[in-house]
Each structure stands twice: as structure tokens, then as C-alpha cells.
Amino acid sequence: MSERADVVPVPEGEYFEGSRFAGLSFILALVGLAGLALSVVGAFVSPHQFSFSWLFAFAFYFTLLAGCFFWIIVHHVTDAEWSVVVRRQLENLAMLLPLMAVFFIPVLLFRHHLYEWTNIAPGHDPVLDSKRAYLNWDFFVVRSIFYFVFFTSAAFLFRRFSVQQDRDGNPAYTLKMRKLAFIALPLFGASLTFGAYDWLLGIDYHWFSTMWGVYIFAGAAGSSMSLLVLVITALRKAGYLQETVTVEHYHIMGKWMLSFTVFWAYIGFSQYMLIWYANMPEETEYFIRRNTESWNALSLFLVIGRFFVPFAILLLRGPKKKPHRLCLIAGWIVFMQLVDIYIVILPALHGAGVLVSVWDFMPLIGIGATLAFFYLRIVGKTSLFPVRDPRVLESLRTTN
């Protein structure tokens, strides 16, 4: 009996050959070790600068990986079909979150440089005293442990169920992952929001914003979708996923990049407008500092580069359906996420203007190369896409 013309056969699993990239892995290992070793030097030579530089690198990579974890949850909660063939790479990237727990240790060790509230005794600052129930060191550590336990355990379970389904094709795993996603979604929102308050807003404990968690989330979601485009494109350039990921998938990923470009701008402007209009000194301090001298120019560059440039390009249909062009835009958005996190953290250290230090680059290179090295170790252990997901055929036939 002949096959129907409209039926797409289920493809065999496609596996990443780690031996082909042994040289790249070796280079990444050397670069990672060198970057981390030089970071240790920076910790002794200039501990104050190092502490902020390390937090900057940590926050940048954490938002990218947390965003990847978010897209896994969205996939299962919405029972999406299009994202099946790209979901495994989100799972692989999310499996790097346990490493971020290790990279968080220097933040704890250098807390006295980062978080002024850890140096102030009770009774010396009325504003801090009013927040002591939440802003105390023991509770800070407990919350941080909870965030990492949640992210690492949930990421592990999602990938474990997904890989087990590859082996036996049991559709029950799809239901398990969907139930897990409904549990993980509110925990993700709480963990990312409070983590953003603790680790980033804690630098300036006097300032507060009820939109802060959403702002960090908007940047994380948009930049992580852009990171996915870069990873998928790199794999396709290496000869993988050629018949699996199509222009239609790129088109949808481009739409999500556009959506969160707009959402990031909306949240950022809403936060700025409401605080600036109210003109309360304890609220405007954050923006006054970032409108000072060269920080103003960099903030303006962020607005133009993070919103107007990608918005104007992604609004068109053509670039979203051309993988290499979309890849360029994705790389730009990831870079602008880097600029955004820099503006969030470094003005607390250099309030008079932008002062780029060599120590800003060492943790960025060290952590980034280390994560890339371990990604290459993870990606080859399973098929590059879920082979026996019940919706894999619908994903292969995706049109929009």
C-alpha cells in the first residue's frame, strides 16, 4: 500500500557527534579556565570592581538560561506543536542552570561589596529597618537556595521525561510534563521575580519598583528566544536539523522575538513613565543615576538598540523567514540584553559615568566559555529533537 502524499514519516533520531568538535571543546575549556583564573586574580587585585563585574556576568547568563526554561514551560502549558523540534535545545540549555548555582558562590562571598545593607547594623537606617523582615542575610540565602533548587530540579525533570519518551514513546510522559509545567509556571514567576529583587535590586535597597520582576522577565524571554535562534542556526550550519527545522519554525521564532521586543519596551517605558511622573525622590534615584553623564548616552543607545532597531526589522515578514538574517538580529538582541544588564548593575559602582574595566570581561569570558563547553558535552547525549513526542509530525508540518 502506498503512503499518502500528505503524511510526513517520523524521522529517525539525529545525534550530535562530539568527536567532530573536540577541538572546539578543548579551546572552550582553555578559554573558560583562563577567564575564571583571571577573575580570581581580579578578586584579589580589585575586589570591589570584581564583585560587580562578576554579578554582571552571572546575571546576564542566568537571564538567558532562565528564559530558555520559561519557553519549555510555555511549550507544555499551551500544548504547542510548532516548538517540538526545537524544544530539546531549550532543555539542553536549561540543564546548564546547575552551573549557575556554582557561579553564584562568589556573589555570596563578596556580598559586602555588592549589598550595602549587609554592612549596616539595625537602628542606623530607618528605611532598611523597615525592610529587615525580608532583607536580612539568612533569609536572603534561604531564598537563593530555593530558587536554584527549583530551577535545577524542574529543568532536570523536564529533560528526563523528554528523553525517556524518546526511548519508549509513551504518551504518558507528555501528560506528566504538562502537569509539571502547570506547577512550574507560578514557581518560575515567583523565583525570577524575587531573584531579580534580591540579586539586582538589592544593590540599591532604597529604590523599589513593582514592575521590576516583569522588566527582567521581558528581557530574559526575548533574549533567550534569540539565543535559541543562534543555537539552532549553528547546529544547522554544522549539518544537523536540515530537514527538521524549517523556515516556518524560524518565522515563528522571529514572531516571538518581535513580541518580546515590544513587551520589553512597554514594560520599560511604563516603569520609567510612572516613576518619573510621580517624581518621588526615593523612586527617581534609579533613573537619575542612569541619566547622568555617559550613562545617559548608553541608556539612550539601549532604548534605540533594544527596541527601535529590532522592531523595525522584525516587523517585516522577510527577515523572519531568512535564517541568516534572523540570526543577525538575534545576535544583536542578545548583545542588547548584555547592555541592559550592564546598565542595571554597574551604575551602582560608577555613578559618575560609564567606566569599563578589564575585569568586566574576565567573568563574562570565563563563565560564557565554561557554559558553552558543558553545552557541547550535554547536546551529544540525546537526539537533537524529541523523536517520539506525539506532536512531532505536526511540528514537522508547521505552517504559518
Protein backbone atom coordinates (compact mmCIF):
# COMPACT_ATOMS: atom_id res chain seq x y z
CA MET A 1 0.00 0.00 0.00
CA SER A 2 1.43 3.39 -0.99
CA GLU A 3 1.85 6.16 1.56
CA ARG A 4 -0.45 9.15 1.45
CA ALA A 5 1.26 12.19 -0.04
CA ASP A 6 0.36 14.43 2.89
CA VAL A 7 1.83 12.13 5.54
CA VAL A 8 5.30 13.02 6.79
CA PRO A 9 7.19 9.95 8.00
CA VAL A 10 8.54 10.10 11.54
CA PRO A 11 12.27 10.85 11.25
CA GLU A 12 14.95 8.86 12.98
CA GLY A 13 16.79 10.50 15.83
CA GLU A 14 19.62 12.83 14.89
CA TYR A 15 22.69 12.83 17.12
CA PHE A 16 25.40 15.39 17.65
CA GLU A 17 28.88 13.95 17.04
CA GLY A 18 31.00 15.35 19.82
CA SER A 19 34.21 14.00 18.28
CA ARG A 20 33.79 16.40 15.35
CA PHE A 21 34.04 19.32 17.75
CA ALA A 22 36.74 18.03 20.09
CA GLY A 23 38.99 20.90 19.05
CA LEU A 24 36.31 23.48 19.81
CA SER A 25 35.65 21.86 23.18
CA PHE A 26 39.35 21.99 24.00
CA ILE A 27 39.55 25.68 23.07
CA LEU A 28 36.45 26.49 25.13
CA ALA A 29 37.92 24.64 28.11
CA LEU A 30 41.15 26.62 27.87
CA VAL A 31 39.35 29.94 27.42
CA GLY A 32 36.98 29.15 30.28
CA LEU A 33 39.80 28.21 32.64
CA ALA A 34 41.80 31.29 31.64
CA GLY A 35 38.81 33.59 32.12
CA LEU A 36 37.98 32.13 35.51
CA ALA A 37 41.63 32.18 36.61
CA LEU A 38 41.96 35.84 35.66
CA SER A 39 38.71 36.50 37.50
CA VAL A 40 40.30 35.06 40.64
CA VAL A 41 43.21 37.44 40.10
CA GLY A 42 40.73 40.30 39.82
CA ALA A 43 39.11 39.22 43.07
CA PHE A 44 42.42 39.86 44.86
CA VAL A 45 43.60 42.88 42.88
CA SER A 46 40.33 44.82 42.81
CA PRO A 47 37.67 43.05 44.89
CA HIS A 48 35.14 45.88 44.72
CA GLN A 49 35.25 46.10 40.93
CA PHE A 50 35.40 42.32 40.60
CA SER A 51 32.26 41.80 42.68
CA PHE A 52 30.17 43.99 40.36
CA SER A 53 31.78 42.57 37.22
CA TRP A 54 31.05 39.02 38.37
CA LEU A 55 27.43 39.82 39.23
CA PHE A 56 27.05 41.43 35.80
CA ALA A 57 28.27 38.29 34.01
CA PHE A 58 26.26 36.00 36.29
CA ALA A 59 23.02 37.95 35.80
CA PHE A 60 23.45 38.08 32.02
CA TYR A 61 23.87 34.32 31.60
CA PHE A 62 21.30 33.48 34.24
CA THR A 63 18.60 35.51 32.49
CA LEU A 64 19.37 33.76 29.20
CA LEU A 65 19.13 30.28 30.72
CA ALA A 66 16.10 31.10 32.87
CA GLY A 67 14.41 32.39 29.71
CA CYS A 68 15.09 29.06 27.98
CA PHE A 69 13.49 27.30 30.94
CA PHE A 70 10.47 29.59 30.57
CA TRP A 71 9.96 28.55 26.94
CA ILE A 72 9.93 24.87 27.97
CA ILE A 73 7.11 25.65 30.38
CA VAL A 74 5.19 27.62 27.74
CA HIS A 75 5.55 24.75 25.29
CA HIS A 76 3.89 22.27 27.65
CA VAL A 77 1.30 24.59 29.18
CA THR A 78 -0.02 25.64 25.77
CA ASP A 79 0.37 22.15 24.29
CA ALA A 80 2.32 23.73 21.44
CA GLU A 81 3.09 21.79 18.29
CA TRP A 82 5.49 24.03 16.36
CA SER A 83 8.15 24.05 19.08
CA VAL A 84 8.55 20.28 19.44
CA VAL A 85 11.54 20.09 17.08
CA VAL A 86 13.41 22.91 18.84
CA ARG A 87 12.43 22.02 22.40
CA ARG A 88 15.35 19.67 23.03
CA GLN A 89 17.82 22.52 22.67
CA LEU A 90 15.85 24.52 25.24
CA GLU A 91 16.09 21.51 27.54
CA ASN A 92 19.84 21.22 26.93
CA LEU A 93 20.39 24.91 27.66
CA ALA A 94 18.24 24.77 30.80
CA MET A 95 20.42 21.91 32.05
CA LEU A 96 23.20 24.48 32.45
CA LEU A 97 21.31 26.14 35.31
CA PRO A 98 23.00 23.96 37.98
CA LEU A 99 26.30 25.51 36.89
CA MET A 100 24.85 28.93 37.61
CA ALA A 101 24.36 27.84 41.21
CA VAL A 102 28.13 27.28 41.39
CA PHE A 103 28.80 30.64 39.76
CA PHE A 104 26.58 32.29 42.35
CA ILE A 105 29.04 31.42 45.16
CA PRO A 106 31.29 34.48 44.52
CA VAL A 107 28.20 36.69 44.84
CA LEU A 108 27.72 35.31 48.34
CA LEU A 109 31.39 35.63 49.21
CA PHE A 110 31.62 39.25 48.03
CA ARG A 111 28.24 40.31 49.40
CA HIS A 112 29.73 43.11 51.48
CA HIS A 113 30.96 44.81 48.32
CA LEU A 114 27.69 44.35 46.45
CA TYR A 115 24.95 44.78 49.01
CA GLU A 116 25.43 47.74 51.31
CA TRP A 117 22.56 46.60 53.50
CA THR A 118 24.71 43.68 54.73
CA ASN A 119 27.12 46.22 56.28
CA ILE A 120 24.55 48.33 58.14
CA ALA A 121 23.60 47.39 61.67
CA PRO A 122 19.98 47.66 62.85
CA GLY A 123 19.00 51.14 64.02
CA HIS A 124 21.25 53.10 61.63
CA ASP A 125 18.92 53.35 58.62
CA PRO A 126 15.13 53.69 59.12
CA VAL A 127 14.43 52.65 55.52
CA LEU A 128 16.46 49.46 55.89
CA ASP A 129 14.98 48.76 59.32
CA SER A 130 11.51 48.82 57.78
CA LYS A 131 12.64 46.09 55.35
CA ARG A 132 14.59 43.92 57.78
CA ALA A 133 11.91 41.25 57.91
CA TYR A 134 12.68 40.49 54.26
CA LEU A 135 16.13 42.00 53.74
CA ASN A 136 18.28 40.01 56.13
CA TRP A 137 21.17 37.75 55.24
CA ASP A 138 19.81 34.43 56.48
CA PHE A 139 16.53 34.84 54.60
CA PHE A 140 18.45 36.03 51.52
CA VAL A 141 20.48 32.81 51.46
CA VAL A 142 17.43 30.61 52.04
CA ARG A 143 15.58 32.29 49.16
CA SER A 144 18.56 31.89 46.83
CA ILE A 145 18.83 28.20 47.67
CA PHE A 146 15.13 27.78 46.92
CA TYR A 147 15.48 29.50 43.52
CA PHE A 148 18.31 27.24 42.42
CA VAL A 149 16.73 24.08 43.78
CA PHE A 150 13.57 24.85 41.85
CA PHE A 151 15.28 25.76 38.57
CA THR A 152 17.69 22.83 38.58
CA SER A 153 15.23 20.15 39.70
CA ALA A 154 12.46 21.25 37.33
CA ALA A 155 14.87 21.53 34.38
CA PHE A 156 16.19 18.04 35.18
CA LEU A 157 12.68 16.55 35.35
CA PHE A 158 11.57 18.10 32.06
CA ARG A 159 14.60 16.75 30.24
CA ARG A 160 14.42 13.37 31.95
CA PHE A 161 10.78 12.81 30.95
CA SER A 162 11.51 14.03 27.43
CA VAL A 163 14.46 11.66 26.99
CA GLN A 164 12.55 8.73 28.45
CA GLN A 165 9.80 9.35 25.90
CA ASP A 166 12.43 9.09 23.16
CA ARG A 167 13.14 5.55 24.32
CA ASP A 168 9.65 4.05 24.61
CA GLY A 169 7.31 6.61 23.02
CA ASN A 170 4.93 6.51 25.99
CA PRO A 171 2.49 9.45 25.60
CA ALA A 172 2.04 9.49 29.39
CA TYR A 173 5.28 11.47 29.59
CA THR A 174 3.64 14.28 27.64
CA LEU A 175 0.91 14.46 30.28
CA LYS A 176 3.49 14.34 33.08
CA MET A 177 5.41 17.22 31.56
CA ARG A 178 2.26 19.24 31.11
CA LYS A 179 1.25 18.72 34.75
CA LEU A 180 4.78 19.64 35.81
CA ALA A 181 4.60 22.78 33.67
CA PHE A 182 1.43 23.98 35.39
CA ILE A 183 3.18 23.58 38.75
CA ALA A 184 6.41 25.17 37.49
CA LEU A 185 4.80 28.23 35.89
CA PRO A 186 3.83 30.12 39.08
CA LEU A 187 7.04 28.97 40.80
CA PHE A 188 9.04 30.29 37.86
CA GLY A 189 7.29 33.66 38.06
CA ALA A 190 7.91 33.91 41.80
CA SER A 191 11.53 32.72 41.62
CA LEU A 192 12.56 35.00 38.77
CA THR A 193 10.74 37.99 40.27
CA PHE A 194 12.13 37.64 43.78
CA GLY A 195 15.53 36.65 42.42
CA ALA A 196 15.57 39.87 40.40
CA TYR A 197 14.68 41.84 43.53
CA ASP A 198 17.23 40.06 45.72
CA TRP A 199 20.24 39.92 43.42
CA LEU A 200 19.80 43.05 41.28
CA LEU A 201 17.52 45.45 43.13
CA GLY A 202 19.31 44.58 46.37
CA ILE A 203 22.28 46.62 45.15
CA ASP A 204 20.24 49.75 45.86
CA TYR A 205 17.93 48.74 48.69
CA HIS A 206 16.37 52.23 48.95
CA TRP A 207 14.85 52.02 45.47
CA PHE A 208 11.82 49.94 44.66
CA SER A 209 9.57 49.21 41.69
CA THR A 210 6.57 46.92 41.48
CA MET A 211 7.36 46.30 37.78
CA TRP A 212 10.96 45.24 38.29
CA GLY A 213 10.39 41.49 38.08
CA VAL A 214 8.35 41.82 34.89
CA TYR A 215 11.04 44.02 33.33
CA ILE A 216 13.75 41.42 33.98
CA PHE A 217 11.45 38.67 32.71
CA ALA A 218 10.73 40.56 29.47
CA GLY A 219 14.43 40.86 28.72
CA ALA A 220 15.08 37.22 29.64
CA ALA A 221 12.27 35.84 27.45
CA GLY A 222 13.17 37.87 24.37
CA SER A 223 16.91 37.29 24.57
CA SER A 224 16.53 33.55 25.26
CA MET A 225 14.37 33.10 22.16
CA SER A 226 17.11 34.92 20.26
CA LEU A 227 19.68 32.58 21.80
CA LEU A 228 17.61 29.62 20.59
CA VAL A 229 17.74 31.01 17.04
CA LEU A 230 21.53 31.26 17.29
CA VAL A 231 21.91 27.71 18.64
CA ILE A 232 19.59 26.17 16.05
CA THR A 233 21.35 28.06 13.27
CA ALA A 234 24.76 26.89 14.49
CA LEU A 235 23.55 23.28 14.53
CA ARG A 236 22.10 23.62 11.03
CA LYS A 237 25.35 25.14 9.79
CA ALA A 238 27.14 22.10 11.21
CA GLY A 239 24.87 19.87 9.11
CA TYR A 240 22.19 18.97 11.66
CA LEU A 241 18.42 19.57 11.71
CA GLN A 242 18.45 20.32 7.98
CA GLU A 243 15.15 18.56 7.27
CA THR A 244 13.70 19.04 10.73
CA VAL A 245 13.78 22.77 11.43
CA THR A 246 12.27 24.71 8.54
CA VAL A 247 11.77 28.32 7.54
CA GLU A 248 8.33 28.13 9.17
CA HIS A 249 9.92 27.48 12.55
CA TYR A 250 12.24 30.43 12.06
CA HIS A 251 9.24 32.57 11.17
CA ILE A 252 7.51 31.70 14.44
CA MET A 253 10.67 32.26 16.49
CA GLY A 254 11.01 35.63 14.78
CA LYS A 255 7.44 36.49 15.77
CA TRP A 256 8.22 35.71 19.40
CA MET A 257 11.34 37.87 19.19
CA LEU A 258 9.17 40.72 17.88
CA SER A 259 6.54 40.18 20.58
CA PHE A 260 9.01 40.40 23.43
CA THR A 261 10.83 43.31 21.83
CA VAL A 262 7.56 45.22 22.08
CA PHE A 263 6.79 43.83 25.54
CA TRP A 264 10.21 44.81 26.88
CA ALA A 265 9.75 48.36 25.59
CA TYR A 266 6.24 48.56 27.02
CA ILE A 267 7.30 47.45 30.50
CA GLY A 268 10.44 49.58 30.47
CA PHE A 269 8.56 52.70 29.40
CA SER A 270 5.71 52.08 31.85
CA GLN A 271 8.16 51.74 34.74
CA TYR A 272 10.04 54.88 33.69
CA MET A 273 6.96 56.99 32.98
CA LEU A 274 5.09 56.19 36.20
CA ILE A 275 8.11 56.76 38.44
CA TRP A 276 9.24 59.90 36.65
CA TYR A 277 5.71 61.36 36.62
CA ALA A 278 5.24 60.73 40.36
CA ASN A 279 8.63 62.42 40.95
CA MET A 280 9.20 60.90 44.38
CA PRO A 281 12.90 61.18 45.35
CA GLU A 282 13.17 57.63 46.68
CA GLU A 283 11.81 56.30 43.36
CA THR A 284 13.54 58.58 40.81
CA GLU A 285 17.03 57.91 42.20
CA TYR A 286 17.48 54.86 39.95
CA PHE A 287 16.77 56.77 36.74
CA ILE A 288 18.59 59.94 37.77
CA ARG A 289 21.78 57.91 38.16
CA ARG A 290 21.31 56.35 34.72
CA ASN A 291 20.62 59.74 33.14
CA THR A 292 23.93 61.13 34.43
CA GLU A 293 26.80 61.93 32.04
CA SER A 294 27.78 58.99 29.81
CA TRP A 295 25.20 56.69 31.42
CA ASN A 296 22.56 58.80 29.67
CA ALA A 297 24.13 58.13 26.27
CA LEU A 298 24.35 54.39 26.98
CA SER A 299 20.72 54.32 28.21
CA LEU A 300 19.64 56.06 25.00
CA PHE A 301 21.62 53.53 23.00
CA LEU A 302 19.79 50.75 24.86
CA VAL A 303 16.37 52.19 24.02
CA ILE A 304 17.23 52.56 20.35
CA GLY A 305 19.13 49.31 20.03
CA ARG A 306 16.85 47.10 22.11
CA PHE A 307 13.55 48.35 20.71
CA PHE A 308 13.59 50.58 17.64
CA VAL A 309 16.21 48.68 15.63
CA PRO A 310 14.87 45.10 16.07
CA PHE A 311 11.25 46.31 15.96
CA ALA A 312 11.71 47.98 12.59
CA ILE A 313 13.36 44.87 11.14
CA LEU A 314 11.23 42.16 12.73
CA LEU A 315 8.04 43.95 11.76
CA LEU A 316 8.78 42.86 8.19
CA ARG A 317 7.96 39.32 7.11
CA GLY A 318 11.09 38.80 5.02
CA PRO A 319 13.82 38.83 7.70
CA LYS A 320 11.87 36.39 9.86
CA LYS A 321 11.83 33.83 7.02
CA LYS A 322 15.52 34.15 6.19
CA PRO A 323 17.50 32.22 8.85
CA HIS A 324 20.81 34.02 8.39
CA ARG A 325 19.24 37.46 8.61
CA LEU A 326 17.18 36.46 11.62
CA CYS A 327 20.37 35.12 13.17
CA LEU A 328 21.99 38.55 12.87
CA ILE A 329 19.03 40.19 14.59
CA ALA A 330 19.05 37.50 17.28
CA GLY A 331 22.73 38.13 17.97
CA TRP A 332 22.01 41.84 18.24
CA ILE A 333 19.19 41.28 20.76
CA VAL A 334 21.43 39.06 22.90
CA PHE A 335 24.07 41.79 22.83
CA MET A 336 21.48 44.38 23.87
CA GLN A 337 20.49 42.13 26.77
CA LEU A 338 24.13 42.31 27.80
CA VAL A 339 23.99 46.13 27.64
CA ASP A 340 20.73 46.14 29.59
CA ILE A 341 22.17 44.08 32.46
CA TYR A 342 25.29 46.26 32.44
CA ILE A 343 23.15 49.37 32.90
CA VAL A 344 21.19 47.66 35.67
CA ILE A 345 24.28 46.78 37.73
CA LEU A 346 27.35 48.92 37.02
CA PRO A 347 25.94 52.44 37.72
CA ALA A 348 25.82 51.44 41.39
CA LEU A 349 29.63 51.26 41.24
CA HIS A 350 30.43 54.04 38.76
CA GLY A 351 27.73 56.60 39.43
CA ALA A 352 29.54 59.48 37.71
CA GLY A 353 29.60 57.81 34.29
CA VAL A 354 30.48 54.70 32.31
CA LEU A 355 33.87 53.31 33.28
CA VAL A 356 34.55 50.00 31.56
CA SER A 357 37.08 47.86 33.41
CA VAL A 358 39.13 44.94 32.13
CA TRP A 359 37.63 42.91 34.98
CA ASP A 360 34.21 43.31 33.35
CA PHE A 361 35.35 40.98 30.57
CA MET A 362 37.09 38.22 32.54
CA PRO A 363 33.99 36.75 34.26
CA LEU A 364 31.99 37.26 31.05
CA ILE A 365 34.50 35.22 29.06
CA GLY A 366 35.15 32.65 31.79
CA ILE A 367 31.52 31.86 32.56
CA GLY A 368 30.45 32.00 28.90
CA ALA A 369 33.17 29.64 27.66
CA THR A 370 32.51 27.23 30.55
CA LEU A 371 28.79 27.12 29.77
CA ALA A 372 29.50 26.56 26.08
CA PHE A 373 31.90 23.73 26.93
CA PHE A 374 29.34 21.92 29.07
CA TYR A 375 26.62 22.52 26.47
CA LEU A 376 28.71 20.61 23.93
CA ARG A 377 29.00 17.79 26.46
CA ILE A 378 25.24 17.71 27.04
CA VAL A 379 23.98 18.09 23.48
CA GLY A 380 25.52 14.84 22.24
CA LYS A 381 23.88 12.61 24.84
CA THR A 382 20.41 12.55 23.24
CA SER A 383 18.73 13.13 19.91
CA LEU A 384 18.75 16.75 18.81
CA PHE A 385 14.96 16.76 18.83
CA PRO A 386 12.28 14.69 20.63
CA VAL A 387 11.84 11.71 18.31
CA ARG A 388 8.69 10.16 19.78
CA ASP A 389 6.77 13.17 21.02
CA PRO A 390 3.11 12.68 19.95
CA ARG A 391 3.16 16.07 18.22
CA VAL A 392 6.40 15.68 16.27
CA LEU A 393 4.61 15.14 12.95
CA GLU A 394 2.50 18.28 13.45
CA SER A 395 5.69 20.17 14.24
CA LEU A 396 7.33 18.96 11.04
CA ARG A 397 4.29 20.10 9.05
CA THR A 398 4.13 23.51 10.74
CA THR A 399 3.00 26.38 8.51
CA ASN A 400 2.02 29.90 9.44
